[in-house]
Amino acid sequence: METTRQNKIARLLQKELSDIFQKQTQATHGVLVSVSAVRISPDLSVARGYLSIFPPNKAEEILGNINANVKSVRYELGTRVRHQLRIIPELKFFLDDSLDYVAHIDELLKK
């Protein structure tokens, strides 16, 4: 169970990461990266971000690029939230496949 502090920090990180990815993907047309959820560890040192990437066929490639450049993303995040957080958590990004799962269940129900 997450504490109120964890929830507040997770919402702050989700908002800021969404803005960072929106600005980074404006240059590449036809690519959309959204942060569907952020989960933060109880000691506030690790944040796991779940990304929903469109188009799905480029998702693994884009996620690989984001994970390769996680230090620059963390630096950018740190410059944005330096007045709210004492320690910027380490970032780990994962692919959010909940929409694919919903589509699969929907297909199964139509049969």
C-alpha atoms as a PDB file:
ATOM      1  CA  MET A   1       0.000   0.000   0.000  1.00  0.00           C
ATOM      2  CA  GLU A   2       1.401   3.346  -1.018  1.00  0.00           C
ATOM      3  CA  THR A   3       1.564   6.287   1.352  1.00  0.00           C
ATOM      4  CA  THR A   4       0.163   9.717   0.606  1.00  0.00           C
ATOM      5  CA  ARG A   5       3.706  11.029   0.100  1.00  0.00           C
ATOM      6  CA  GLN A   6       4.452   8.296  -2.455  1.00  0.00           C
ATOM      7  CA  ASN A   7       1.238   9.096  -4.334  1.00  0.00           C
ATOM      8  CA  LYS A   8       1.996  12.829  -4.444  1.00  0.00           C
ATOM      9  CA  ILE A   9       5.534  12.282  -5.692  1.00  0.00           C
ATOM     10  CA  ALA A  10       4.340   9.721  -8.251  1.00  0.00           C
ATOM     11  CA  ARG A  11       1.782  12.196  -9.634  1.00  0.00           C
ATOM     12  CA  LEU A  12       4.415  14.952  -9.791  1.00  0.00           C
ATOM     13  CA  LEU A  13       6.866  12.687 -11.615  1.00  0.00           C
ATOM     14  CA  GLN A  14       4.169  11.461 -14.016  1.00  0.00           C
ATOM     15  CA  LYS A  15       3.220  15.032 -14.942  1.00  0.00           C
ATOM     16  CA  GLU A  16       6.813  16.162 -15.440  1.00  0.00           C
ATOM     17  CA  LEU A  17       7.897  13.039 -17.347  1.00  0.00           C
ATOM     18  CA  SER A  18       4.874  13.369 -19.633  1.00  0.00           C
ATOM     19  CA  ASP A  19       5.875  16.935 -20.414  1.00  0.00           C
ATOM     20  CA  ILE A  20       9.510  15.922 -21.041  1.00  0.00           C
ATOM     21  CA  PHE A  21       8.531  13.130 -23.433  1.00  0.00           C
ATOM     22  CA  GLN A  22       6.006  15.340 -25.212  1.00  0.00           C
ATOM     23  CA  LYS A  23       8.682  17.950 -25.903  1.00  0.00           C
ATOM     24  CA  GLN A  24      11.206  15.309 -27.015  1.00  0.00           C
ATOM     25  CA  THR A  25       8.808  13.583 -29.419  1.00  0.00           C
ATOM     26  CA  GLN A  26       7.526  16.756 -31.095  1.00  0.00           C
ATOM     27  CA  ALA A  27      10.392  16.529 -33.565  1.00  0.00           C
ATOM     28  CA  THR A  28       9.475  12.984 -34.615  1.00  0.00           C
ATOM     29  CA  HIS A  29       6.111  13.002 -36.334  1.00  0.00           C
ATOM     30  CA  GLY A  30       3.767  10.095 -35.801  1.00  0.00           C
ATOM     31  CA  VAL A  31       5.256   9.048 -32.454  1.00  0.00           C
ATOM     32  CA  LEU A  32       3.402   9.501 -29.186  1.00  0.00           C
ATOM     33  CA  VAL A  33       4.839   8.599 -25.776  1.00  0.00           C
ATOM     34  CA  SER A  34       2.593   8.925 -22.744  1.00  0.00           C
ATOM     35  CA  VAL A  35       3.320   8.068 -19.141  1.00  0.00           C
ATOM     36  CA  SER A  36       0.420   5.931 -17.976  1.00  0.00           C
ATOM     37  CA  ALA A  37       1.645   5.347 -14.416  1.00  0.00           C
ATOM     38  CA  VAL A  38       4.551   5.959 -12.077  1.00  0.00           C
ATOM     39  CA  ARG A  39       5.209   3.757  -9.062  1.00  0.00           C
ATOM     40  CA  ILE A  40       7.736   4.877  -6.483  1.00  0.00           C
ATOM     41  CA  SER A  41       9.544   2.733  -3.931  1.00  0.00           C
ATOM     42  CA  PRO A  42       8.813   3.230  -0.209  1.00  0.00           C
ATOM     43  CA  ASP A  43      12.209   4.878   0.359  1.00  0.00           C
ATOM     44  CA  LEU A  44      11.560   7.239  -2.620  1.00  0.00           C
ATOM     45  CA  SER A  45      14.806   6.226  -4.322  1.00  0.00           C
ATOM     46  CA  VAL A  46      13.486   4.332  -7.367  1.00  0.00           C
ATOM     47  CA  ALA A  47      10.648   5.348  -9.668  1.00  0.00           C
ATOM     48  CA  ARG A  48       9.233   2.916 -12.216  1.00  0.00           C
ATOM     49  CA  GLY A  49       7.533   4.618 -15.143  1.00  0.00           C
ATOM     50  CA  TYR A  50       5.095   2.740 -17.360  1.00  0.00           C
ATOM     51  CA  LEU A  51       5.005   4.136 -20.878  1.00  0.00           C
ATOM     52  CA  SER A  52       2.343   3.761 -23.512  1.00  0.00           C
ATOM     53  CA  ILE A  53       3.925   4.209 -26.940  1.00  0.00           C
ATOM     54  CA  PHE A  54       2.182   4.755 -30.270  1.00  0.00           C
ATOM     55  CA  PRO A  55       2.693   3.254 -32.849  1.00  0.00           C
ATOM     56  CA  PRO A  56       3.025  -0.132 -31.126  1.00  0.00           C
ATOM     57  CA  ASN A  57       5.373  -1.559 -33.766  1.00  0.00           C
ATOM     58  CA  LYS A  58       8.075   0.970 -32.750  1.00  0.00           C
ATOM     59  CA  ALA A  59       7.476   0.587 -29.003  1.00  0.00           C
ATOM     60  CA  GLU A  60      10.458  -1.648 -28.225  1.00  0.00           C
ATOM     61  CA  GLU A  61      12.851   0.553 -30.206  1.00  0.00           C
ATOM     62  CA  ILE A  62      11.635   3.770 -28.562  1.00  0.00           C
ATOM     63  CA  LEU A  63      11.690   2.193 -25.101  1.00  0.00           C
ATOM     64  CA  GLY A  64      15.267   1.056 -25.746  1.00  0.00           C
ATOM     65  CA  ASN A  65      16.250   4.608 -26.718  1.00  0.00           C
ATOM     66  CA  ILE A  66      14.612   6.025 -23.597  1.00  0.00           C
ATOM     67  CA  ASN A  67      16.353   3.490 -21.341  1.00  0.00           C
ATOM     68  CA  ALA A  68      19.677   4.222 -23.079  1.00  0.00           C
ATOM     69  CA  ASN A  69      19.233   7.944 -22.350  1.00  0.00           C
ATOM     70  CA  VAL A  70      17.790   7.591 -18.850  1.00  0.00           C
ATOM     71  CA  LYS A  71      20.557   9.758 -17.358  1.00  0.00           C
ATOM     72  CA  SER A  72      19.628  12.762 -19.483  1.00  0.00           C
ATOM     73  CA  VAL A  73      15.931  12.241 -18.692  1.00  0.00           C
ATOM     74  CA  ARG A  74      16.747  12.110 -14.972  1.00  0.00           C
ATOM     75  CA  TYR A  75      18.842  15.290 -15.276  1.00  0.00           C
ATOM     76  CA  GLU A  76      15.997  17.099 -17.056  1.00  0.00           C
ATOM     77  CA  LEU A  77      13.557  15.858 -14.412  1.00  0.00           C
ATOM     78  CA  GLY A  78      15.924  17.029 -11.687  1.00  0.00           C
ATOM     79  CA  THR A  79      16.066  20.551 -13.084  1.00  0.00           C
ATOM     80  CA  ARG A  80      12.268  20.685 -13.086  1.00  0.00           C
ATOM     81  CA  VAL A  81      11.551  19.313  -9.598  1.00  0.00           C
ATOM     82  CA  ARG A  82      14.666  20.412  -7.704  1.00  0.00           C
ATOM     83  CA  HIS A  83      12.614  22.691  -5.437  1.00  0.00           C
ATOM     84  CA  GLN A  84      10.043  19.998  -4.569  1.00  0.00           C
ATOM     85  CA  LEU A  85      12.274  16.960  -4.037  1.00  0.00           C
ATOM     86  CA  ARG A  86      15.494  16.611  -2.097  1.00  0.00           C
ATOM     87  CA  ILE A  87      16.637  13.462  -3.934  1.00  0.00           C
ATOM     88  CA  ILE A  88      15.735  12.730  -7.545  1.00  0.00           C
ATOM     89  CA  PRO A  89      14.838   9.033  -7.773  1.00  0.00           C
ATOM     90  CA  GLU A  90      16.506   6.634 -10.177  1.00  0.00           C
ATOM     91  CA  LEU A  91      14.280   6.051 -13.178  1.00  0.00           C
ATOM     92  CA  LYS A  92      13.344   2.735 -14.743  1.00  0.00           C
ATOM     93  CA  PHE A  93      10.976   2.599 -17.674  1.00  0.00           C
ATOM     94  CA  PHE A  94       8.754  -0.263 -18.740  1.00  0.00           C
ATOM     95  CA  LEU A  95       6.282  -0.771 -21.549  1.00  0.00           C
ATOM     96  CA  ASP A  96       2.660  -0.480 -20.424  1.00  0.00           C
ATOM     97  CA  ASP A  97       0.764  -3.158 -22.294  1.00  0.00           C
ATOM     98  CA  SER A  98      -2.564  -2.699 -20.501  1.00  0.00           C
ATOM     99  CA  LEU A  99      -4.221  -1.303 -23.650  1.00  0.00           C
ATOM    100  CA  ASP A 100      -3.051  -4.323 -25.639  1.00  0.00           C
ATOM    101  CA  TYR A 101      -4.442  -6.561 -22.905  1.00  0.00           C
ATOM    102  CA  VAL A 102      -7.818  -4.758 -23.026  1.00  0.00           C
ATOM    103  CA  ALA A 103      -7.933  -5.116 -26.812  1.00  0.00           C
ATOM    104  CA  HIS A 104      -7.133  -8.829 -26.522  1.00  0.00           C
ATOM    105  CA  ILE A 105      -9.901  -9.371 -23.953  1.00  0.00           C
ATOM    106  CA  ASP A 106     -12.306  -7.422 -26.160  1.00  0.00           C
ATOM    107  CA  GLU A 107     -11.457  -9.669 -29.123  1.00  0.00           C
ATOM    108  CA  LEU A 108     -12.008 -12.758 -27.000  1.00  0.00           C
ATOM    109  CA  LEU A 109     -15.401 -11.502 -25.832  1.00  0.00           C
ATOM    110  CA  LYS A 110     -16.545 -10.840 -29.411  1.00  0.00           C
ATOM    111  CA  LYS A 111     -16.039 -14.479 -30.375  1.00  0.00           C
END
